[in-house]
Every structure is written in structure tokens, then in C-alpha cells.
Amino acid sequence: MILPVIKFSHWYAKLDHLFSAYQPGYQATLVSMFFALNLKSLPAEFIEYDTLWVDDKGEANFYPLDMDAKHLILTFFGRGGLFTTIRPYNVYKQQYFAARAGQQFEVVLEEKKRKPQIAQIESVEPASE
């Protein structure tokens, strides 16, 4: 059976606890999906948690989000625990993920580089938009 895929383009700090268990073919179950009219109503700490990634030099970066746009917030559970991902909203994505609640997804990390030492990163403020 071919599993649906959830892709990540960077080595996000939120996934760090999963990587002791991560290997190609890693699977996680979609346990919930929330709709956010805009992201401004969410705590800044949550946005930081979800968007923080570290580059090759160990520098913190934040994936840019349109704070005024609609988004889906997906929660997955895998061997390493829970993690979320914020995805831009469209009707197709909402229907796609709603139809797959409770299903396993393959977690794909498109960045092939070695995992940076995220624990060494100090708390940083996300760039204001």
C-alpha cells in the first residue's frame, strides 16, 4: 500500500526529537486538523516552534508565513511523539487531509544534509512582518 506523504523542506527544530527514530520510510499518523482564519491569534511561541529551522552554519531561520492568510494546522503522532505543521489553506488540502485523518503518512525530509545540533541554538525572536 502506498502511503500519503507529508514533506518537510528543512530540518525543523520541532522534529528534532523524532530524528533518533527517523529513517527513510518513517511514518506518522495524522491525528488532527485545525483551521486557522489567520495566524495572528496564535501564540508567537507556537509560530516560532513550528517554523524554526537551522541552516548548515547552525544559524536559526524561520519559514515565512503569511500571518493574515488562512492555514491548516496538522498534528501528527509518530514513534518520537507529536509534531505539528502549518500548511497554507485551500479547499483541496482541507478535503485531502480531512479524508485522511487517522491514516499513516510517510514523513519525507527533502533536505539531505546532516542534522544540525539544534540544542545549541539559543532562543531567537521570529522576524516580524
Foldseek 3Di string as FASTA:
>chain_A
DAFAADEDAAQAPLCVLVVVVDDQQFKWAWADKDKDQFQPVPDQVVQCNQFWGADPVRDIAGDDDDRNAMWMWIWIQGPSGIDIHIGGDDPVVVVVVVVRHGHMHGYYYPDPDDGDDNVPDDDDGHDDD
